[in-house]
C-alpha cells in the first residue's frame, strides 16, 4: 500500500465523499417531496372532513320537524288544522292575463370590439 502515491488516495477519498454527498442530497430532495405530498394529502383530508361535517349538518336539519314543516307549508301547500287557506281568485268575467316575456337573443361581439373593450374598458 505504500507504493500508492498519496495523491491517488486523496483522489479516491474525495471521490467517495462526493458520491456520499450526492446520495445524501438526493435523499434530502426525496424527503422534501414526500413532505410536500404529505401536506397536500393532509389538506385534502381536512377539506373532505369539513365537507362531511357540513353534509351531516344538512342531513340533521332535513330530518328535523322544522324542515318538514317548512317544506309542507311552502312547497307541499299543506295547512294546519284550524287554519283557513287563502286562494286568490280573479274577478268574475275576466280572463287571466298571460304575459310572455321574450328571452333576449345574445348577439356575439366582433373580435376587434372585444379587444377594444379589454384594453380601453368601455
N, C-alpha and C. Protein backbone atom coordinates (compact mmCIF):
# COMPACT_ATOMS: atom_id res chain seq x y z
N UNK A 1 0.81 -1.18 0.00
CA UNK A 1 0.00 0.00 0.00
C UNK A 1 0.87 1.25 0.00
N UNK A 2 2.07 1.11 0.42
CA UNK A 2 2.96 2.27 0.44
C UNK A 2 3.40 2.67 -0.95
N UNK A 3 3.22 1.77 -1.94
CA UNK A 3 3.58 2.09 -3.32
C UNK A 3 2.59 3.05 -3.97
N UNK A 4 1.36 3.15 -3.43
CA UNK A 4 0.34 4.02 -3.99
C UNK A 4 0.65 5.45 -3.57
N UNK A 5 0.72 6.35 -4.50
CA UNK A 5 1.03 7.73 -4.13
C UNK A 5 -0.11 8.34 -3.32
N UNK A 6 0.24 9.30 -2.52
CA UNK A 6 -0.72 9.96 -1.64
C UNK A 6 -1.79 10.69 -2.45
N UNK A 7 -1.46 11.21 -3.58
CA UNK A 7 -2.44 11.94 -4.41
C UNK A 7 -3.58 11.02 -4.86
N UNK A 8 -3.27 9.77 -5.18
CA UNK A 8 -4.32 8.84 -5.59
C UNK A 8 -5.25 8.52 -4.42
N UNK A 9 -4.69 8.38 -3.23
CA UNK A 9 -5.52 8.14 -2.05
C UNK A 9 -6.46 9.32 -1.81
N UNK A 10 -5.92 10.50 -1.88
CA UNK A 10 -6.75 11.69 -1.67
C UNK A 10 -7.85 11.79 -2.73
N UNK A 11 -7.47 11.45 -3.97
CA UNK A 11 -8.45 11.50 -5.05
C UNK A 11 -9.57 10.47 -4.80
N UNK A 12 -9.20 9.25 -4.39
CA UNK A 12 -10.19 8.21 -4.13
C UNK A 12 -11.09 8.60 -2.96
N UNK A 13 -10.52 9.13 -1.90
CA UNK A 13 -11.32 9.56 -0.75
C UNK A 13 -12.23 10.72 -1.13
N UNK A 14 -11.74 11.66 -1.90
CA UNK A 14 -12.56 12.78 -2.35
C UNK A 14 -13.71 12.28 -3.22
N UNK A 15 -13.43 11.30 -4.08
CA UNK A 15 -14.46 10.75 -4.95
C UNK A 15 -15.55 10.06 -4.13
N UNK A 16 -15.17 9.31 -3.11
CA UNK A 16 -16.14 8.64 -2.24
C UNK A 16 -16.98 9.68 -1.49
N UNK A 17 -16.33 10.73 -1.00
CA UNK A 17 -17.07 11.78 -0.28
C UNK A 17 -18.05 12.48 -1.22
N UNK A 18 -17.65 12.73 -2.44
CA UNK A 18 -18.54 13.39 -3.40
C UNK A 18 -19.77 12.52 -3.66
N UNK A 19 -19.57 11.21 -3.86
CA UNK A 19 -20.71 10.31 -4.07
C UNK A 19 -21.62 10.25 -2.85
N UNK A 20 -21.04 10.28 -1.66
CA UNK A 20 -21.85 10.28 -0.45
C UNK A 20 -22.69 11.55 -0.35
N UNK A 21 -22.09 12.69 -0.68
CA UNK A 21 -22.81 13.96 -0.64
C UNK A 21 -23.93 13.97 -1.67
N UNK A 22 -23.65 13.46 -2.86
CA UNK A 22 -24.69 13.41 -3.91
C UNK A 22 -25.84 12.51 -3.46
N UNK A 23 -25.52 11.36 -2.89
CA UNK A 23 -26.56 10.46 -2.40
C UNK A 23 -27.38 11.09 -1.28
N UNK A 24 -26.69 11.78 -0.38
CA UNK A 24 -27.39 12.46 0.71
C UNK A 24 -28.30 13.55 0.17
N UNK A 25 -27.81 14.30 -0.80
CA UNK A 25 -28.59 15.37 -1.40
C UNK A 25 -29.85 14.82 -2.08
N UNK A 26 -29.72 13.70 -2.79
CA UNK A 26 -30.89 13.13 -3.45
C UNK A 26 -31.90 12.62 -2.42
N UNK A 27 -31.42 12.07 -1.31
CA UNK A 27 -32.34 11.61 -0.26
C UNK A 27 -33.05 12.79 0.41
N UNK A 28 -32.34 13.89 0.62
CA UNK A 28 -32.97 15.08 1.20
C UNK A 28 -34.02 15.64 0.26
N UNK A 29 -33.72 15.64 -1.04
CA UNK A 29 -34.68 16.11 -2.03
C UNK A 29 -35.93 15.23 -2.03
N UNK A 30 -35.74 13.91 -1.98
CA UNK A 30 -36.88 12.99 -1.92
C UNK A 30 -37.69 13.20 -0.65
N UNK A 31 -37.01 13.45 0.46
CA UNK A 31 -37.71 13.72 1.73
C UNK A 31 -38.56 14.98 1.61
N UNK A 32 -38.05 16.02 0.98
CA UNK A 32 -38.82 17.25 0.80
C UNK A 32 -40.04 17.01 -0.07
N UNK A 33 -39.90 16.22 -1.14
CA UNK A 33 -41.04 15.91 -1.99
C UNK A 33 -42.10 15.13 -1.21
N UNK A 34 -41.66 14.14 -0.44
CA UNK A 34 -42.61 13.35 0.35
C UNK A 34 -43.31 14.20 1.40
N UNK A 35 -42.59 15.14 2.01
CA UNK A 35 -43.21 16.03 2.99
C UNK A 35 -44.26 16.93 2.34
N UNK A 36 -43.99 17.42 1.14
CA UNK A 36 -44.98 18.27 0.46
C UNK A 36 -46.19 17.44 0.05
N UNK A 37 -45.98 16.20 -0.38
CA UNK A 37 -47.11 15.33 -0.71
C UNK A 37 -47.94 15.03 0.54
N UNK A 38 -47.26 14.81 1.68
CA UNK A 38 -47.97 14.57 2.93
C UNK A 38 -48.83 15.76 3.29
N UNK A 39 -48.29 16.97 3.13
CA UNK A 39 -49.06 18.17 3.45
C UNK A 39 -50.29 18.30 2.53
N UNK A 40 -50.13 17.97 1.25
CA UNK A 40 -51.27 18.03 0.32
C UNK A 40 -52.35 17.03 0.71
N UNK A 41 -51.93 15.83 1.09
CA UNK A 41 -52.90 14.81 1.49
C UNK A 41 -53.61 15.22 2.77
N UNK A 42 -52.87 15.80 3.71
CA UNK A 42 -53.49 16.28 4.95
C UNK A 42 -54.52 17.37 4.65
N UNK A 43 -54.18 18.28 3.73
CA UNK A 43 -55.11 19.34 3.37
C UNK A 43 -56.38 18.77 2.74
N UNK A 44 -56.20 17.82 1.83
CA UNK A 44 -57.36 17.19 1.18
C UNK A 44 -58.21 16.44 2.21
N UNK A 45 -57.56 15.78 3.16
CA UNK A 45 -58.31 15.05 4.19
C UNK A 45 -59.10 16.02 5.08
N UNK A 46 -58.48 17.14 5.41
CA UNK A 46 -59.18 18.14 6.23
C UNK A 46 -60.38 18.71 5.49
N UNK A 47 -60.20 19.00 4.20
CA UNK A 47 -61.31 19.53 3.40
C UNK A 47 -62.45 18.53 3.31
N UNK A 48 -62.12 17.26 3.10
CA UNK A 48 -63.18 16.25 2.99
C UNK A 48 -63.87 16.04 4.34
N UNK A 49 -63.14 16.17 5.43
CA UNK A 49 -63.75 16.05 6.76
C UNK A 49 -64.71 17.22 6.99
N UNK A 50 -64.32 18.42 6.59
CA UNK A 50 -65.20 19.58 6.74
C UNK A 50 -66.45 19.42 5.87
N UNK A 51 -66.27 18.89 4.66
CA UNK A 51 -67.41 18.65 3.78
C UNK A 51 -68.36 17.62 4.41
N UNK A 52 -67.78 16.58 5.00
CA UNK A 52 -68.61 15.57 5.65
C UNK A 52 -69.41 16.17 6.80
N UNK A 53 -68.77 17.02 7.60
CA UNK A 53 -69.47 17.67 8.71
C UNK A 53 -70.60 18.56 8.21
N UNK A 54 -70.34 19.30 7.14
CA UNK A 54 -71.39 20.17 6.58
C UNK A 54 -72.55 19.35 6.05
N UNK A 55 -72.26 18.23 5.39
CA UNK A 55 -73.33 17.38 4.87
C UNK A 55 -74.11 16.73 6.01
N UNK A 56 -73.41 16.33 7.07
CA UNK A 56 -74.11 15.76 8.23
C UNK A 56 -75.03 16.79 8.87
N UNK A 57 -74.59 18.05 8.89
CA UNK A 57 -75.45 19.12 9.42
C UNK A 57 -76.69 19.28 8.56
N UNK A 58 -76.53 19.25 7.24
CA UNK A 58 -77.67 19.36 6.35
C UNK A 58 -78.62 18.18 6.49
N UNK A 59 -78.07 16.99 6.69
CA UNK A 59 -78.92 15.81 6.87
C UNK A 59 -79.70 15.92 8.18
N UNK A 60 -79.03 16.39 9.23
CA UNK A 60 -79.72 16.55 10.51
C UNK A 60 -80.85 17.57 10.40
N UNK A 61 -80.62 18.67 9.68
CA UNK A 61 -81.67 19.67 9.50
C UNK A 61 -82.81 19.11 8.66
N UNK A 62 -82.48 18.37 7.60
CA UNK A 62 -83.51 17.83 6.71
C UNK A 62 -84.41 16.82 7.44
N UNK A 63 -83.86 16.15 8.46
CA UNK A 63 -84.65 15.17 9.20
C UNK A 63 -85.41 15.81 10.35
N UNK A 64 -85.21 17.09 10.59
CA UNK A 64 -85.87 17.74 11.72
C UNK A 64 -87.32 18.09 11.40
N UNK A 65 -88.10 18.28 12.44
CA UNK A 65 -89.51 18.64 12.29
C UNK A 65 -89.65 20.01 11.66
N UNK A 66 -88.76 20.91 12.00
CA UNK A 66 -88.81 22.28 11.45
C UNK A 66 -88.68 22.27 9.93
N UNK A 67 -87.75 21.47 9.40
CA UNK A 67 -87.56 21.41 7.94
C UNK A 67 -88.77 20.79 7.26
N UNK A 68 -89.34 19.77 7.87
CA UNK A 68 -90.51 19.11 7.27
C UNK A 68 -91.69 20.08 7.25
N UNK A 69 -91.87 20.82 8.33
CA UNK A 69 -92.98 21.78 8.38
C UNK A 69 -92.77 22.91 7.38
N UNK A 70 -91.55 23.37 7.24
CA UNK A 70 -91.25 24.43 6.27
C UNK A 70 -91.56 23.95 4.85
N UNK A 71 -91.14 22.73 4.52
CA UNK A 71 -91.42 22.19 3.19
C UNK A 71 -92.93 22.04 2.99
N UNK A 72 -93.64 21.54 4.01
CA UNK A 72 -95.07 21.30 3.88
C UNK A 72 -95.82 22.59 3.61
N UNK A 73 -95.41 23.67 4.23
CA UNK A 73 -96.11 24.94 4.04
C UNK A 73 -95.74 25.63 2.73
N UNK A 74 -94.47 25.57 2.33
CA UNK A 74 -94.04 26.31 1.14
C UNK A 74 -94.23 25.50 -0.13
N UNK A 75 -93.66 24.31 -0.21
CA UNK A 75 -93.71 23.55 -1.45
C UNK A 75 -94.86 22.54 -1.49
N UNK A 76 -95.20 22.00 -0.35
CA UNK A 76 -96.26 21.00 -0.32
C UNK A 76 -97.65 21.59 -0.27
N UNK A 77 -97.76 22.87 0.08
CA UNK A 77 -99.03 23.60 0.16
C UNK A 77 -100.01 22.94 1.14
N UNK A 78 -99.50 22.48 2.28
CA UNK A 78 -100.34 21.92 3.32
C UNK A 78 -100.68 23.00 4.34
N UNK A 79 -101.76 22.80 5.08
CA UNK A 79 -102.14 23.74 6.14
C UNK A 79 -102.36 22.96 7.42
N UNK A 80 -102.28 23.65 8.55
CA UNK A 80 -102.55 23.02 9.84
C UNK A 80 -104.04 23.01 10.10
N UNK A 81 -104.44 22.18 11.07
CA UNK A 81 -105.86 22.14 11.44
C UNK A 81 -106.27 23.48 12.01
N UNK A 82 -107.42 23.94 11.61
CA UNK A 82 -107.95 25.21 12.11
C UNK A 82 -107.56 26.40 11.27
N UNK A 83 -106.62 26.26 10.36
CA UNK A 83 -106.23 27.38 9.50
C UNK A 83 -107.14 27.44 8.28
N UNK A 84 -107.32 28.62 7.77
CA UNK A 84 -108.13 28.82 6.58
C UNK A 84 -107.20 29.08 5.40
N UNK A 85 -107.26 28.26 4.37
CA UNK A 85 -106.40 28.51 3.22
C UNK A 85 -106.90 29.71 2.43
N UNK A 86 -106.00 30.50 1.94
CA UNK A 86 -106.34 31.66 1.13
C UNK A 86 -106.02 31.32 -0.31
N UNK A 87 -107.05 31.33 -1.14
CA UNK A 87 -106.88 31.02 -2.56
C UNK A 87 -107.30 32.25 -3.35
N UNK A 88 -106.38 32.94 -3.99
CA UNK A 88 -106.74 34.12 -4.76
C UNK A 88 -107.56 33.73 -5.98
N UNK A 89 -108.62 34.47 -6.21
CA UNK A 89 -109.46 34.23 -7.38
C UNK A 89 -109.56 35.52 -8.18
N UNK A 90 -109.84 35.37 -9.44
CA UNK A 90 -109.94 36.55 -10.30
C UNK A 90 -111.38 37.07 -10.25
N UNK A 91 -111.57 38.26 -10.81
CA UNK A 91 -112.90 38.85 -10.84
C UNK A 91 -113.78 38.07 -11.82
N UNK A 92 -115.04 37.99 -11.54
CA UNK A 92 -115.91 37.23 -12.45
C UNK A 92 -115.94 37.86 -13.84
N UNK A 93 -115.85 37.04 -14.85
CA UNK A 93 -115.93 37.52 -16.22
C UNK A 93 -114.60 37.95 -16.81
N UNK A 94 -113.57 38.00 -16.05
CA UNK A 94 -112.28 38.43 -16.61
C UNK A 94 -111.45 37.20 -16.96
N UNK A 95 -110.69 37.35 -17.99
CA UNK A 95 -109.82 36.27 -18.40
C UNK A 95 -108.44 36.46 -17.76
N UNK A 96 -107.79 35.40 -17.47
CA UNK A 96 -106.45 35.55 -16.88
C UNK A 96 -105.49 36.16 -17.90
N UNK A 97 -104.67 37.04 -17.43
CA UNK A 97 -103.71 37.72 -18.30
C UNK A 97 -102.41 36.91 -18.30
N UNK A 98 -102.02 36.51 -19.47
CA UNK A 98 -100.77 35.77 -19.62
C UNK A 98 -99.76 36.70 -20.26
N UNK A 99 -98.73 36.98 -19.55
CA UNK A 99 -97.69 37.88 -20.04
C UNK A 99 -96.48 37.03 -20.39
N UNK A 100 -96.15 37.03 -21.65
CA UNK A 100 -94.99 36.28 -22.11
C UNK A 100 -93.81 37.24 -22.25
N UNK A 101 -92.76 36.93 -21.59
CA UNK A 101 -91.56 37.76 -21.71
C UNK A 101 -90.61 37.06 -22.67
N UNK A 102 -90.28 37.73 -23.75
CA UNK A 102 -89.38 37.10 -24.71
C UNK A 102 -87.96 37.04 -24.14
N UNK A 103 -87.28 35.98 -24.45
CA UNK A 103 -85.90 35.86 -23.99
C UNK A 103 -84.99 36.56 -25.00
N UNK A 104 -84.12 37.40 -24.52
CA UNK A 104 -83.24 38.10 -25.46
C UNK A 104 -82.23 37.13 -26.08
N UNK A 105 -81.98 37.34 -27.36
CA UNK A 105 -81.01 36.52 -28.07
C UNK A 105 -79.66 37.24 -28.03
N UNK A 106 -78.67 36.61 -27.45
CA UNK A 106 -77.37 37.28 -27.37
C UNK A 106 -76.73 37.39 -28.75
N UNK A 107 -76.20 38.56 -29.01
CA UNK A 107 -75.51 38.76 -30.29
C UNK A 107 -74.01 38.79 -30.00
N UNK A 108 -73.25 37.99 -30.68
CA UNK A 108 -71.81 37.97 -30.41
C UNK A 108 -71.14 39.25 -30.91
N UNK A 109 -70.21 39.73 -30.11
CA UNK A 109 -69.47 40.94 -30.48
C UNK A 109 -68.35 40.56 -31.44
N UNK A 110 -68.00 41.45 -32.34
CA UNK A 110 -66.85 41.17 -33.22
C UNK A 110 -65.57 41.09 -32.39
N UNK A 111 -64.63 40.37 -32.92
CA UNK A 111 -63.37 40.13 -32.21
C UNK A 111 -62.64 41.44 -31.90
N UNK A 112 -62.62 42.39 -32.82
CA UNK A 112 -61.92 43.65 -32.59
C UNK A 112 -62.57 44.44 -31.46
N UNK A 113 -63.90 44.34 -31.34
CA UNK A 113 -64.60 45.09 -30.30
C UNK A 113 -64.30 44.50 -28.91
N UNK A 114 -64.16 43.18 -28.84
CA UNK A 114 -63.80 42.56 -27.57
C UNK A 114 -62.41 43.01 -27.13
N UNK A 115 -61.47 43.09 -28.07
CA UNK A 115 -60.13 43.57 -27.73
C UNK A 115 -60.16 45.05 -27.32
N UNK A 116 -60.96 45.83 -28.03
CA UNK A 116 -61.08 47.26 -27.72
C UNK A 116 -61.60 47.44 -26.29
N UNK A 117 -62.65 46.67 -25.94
CA UNK A 117 -63.20 46.75 -24.58
C UNK A 117 -62.21 46.24 -23.55
N UNK A 118 -61.41 45.27 -23.91
CA UNK A 118 -60.43 44.75 -22.97
C UNK A 118 -59.35 45.78 -22.67
N UNK A 119 -58.88 46.48 -23.68
CA UNK A 119 -57.80 47.44 -23.45
C UNK A 119 -58.29 48.81 -22.99
N UNK A 120 -59.43 49.28 -23.50
CA UNK A 120 -59.87 50.63 -23.18
C UNK A 120 -61.06 50.66 -22.25
N UNK A 121 -61.58 49.52 -21.85
CA UNK A 121 -62.60 49.37 -20.82
C UNK A 121 -63.83 50.21 -21.02
N UNK A 122 -64.71 49.79 -21.87
CA UNK A 122 -65.95 50.52 -22.07
C UNK A 122 -67.04 49.94 -21.25
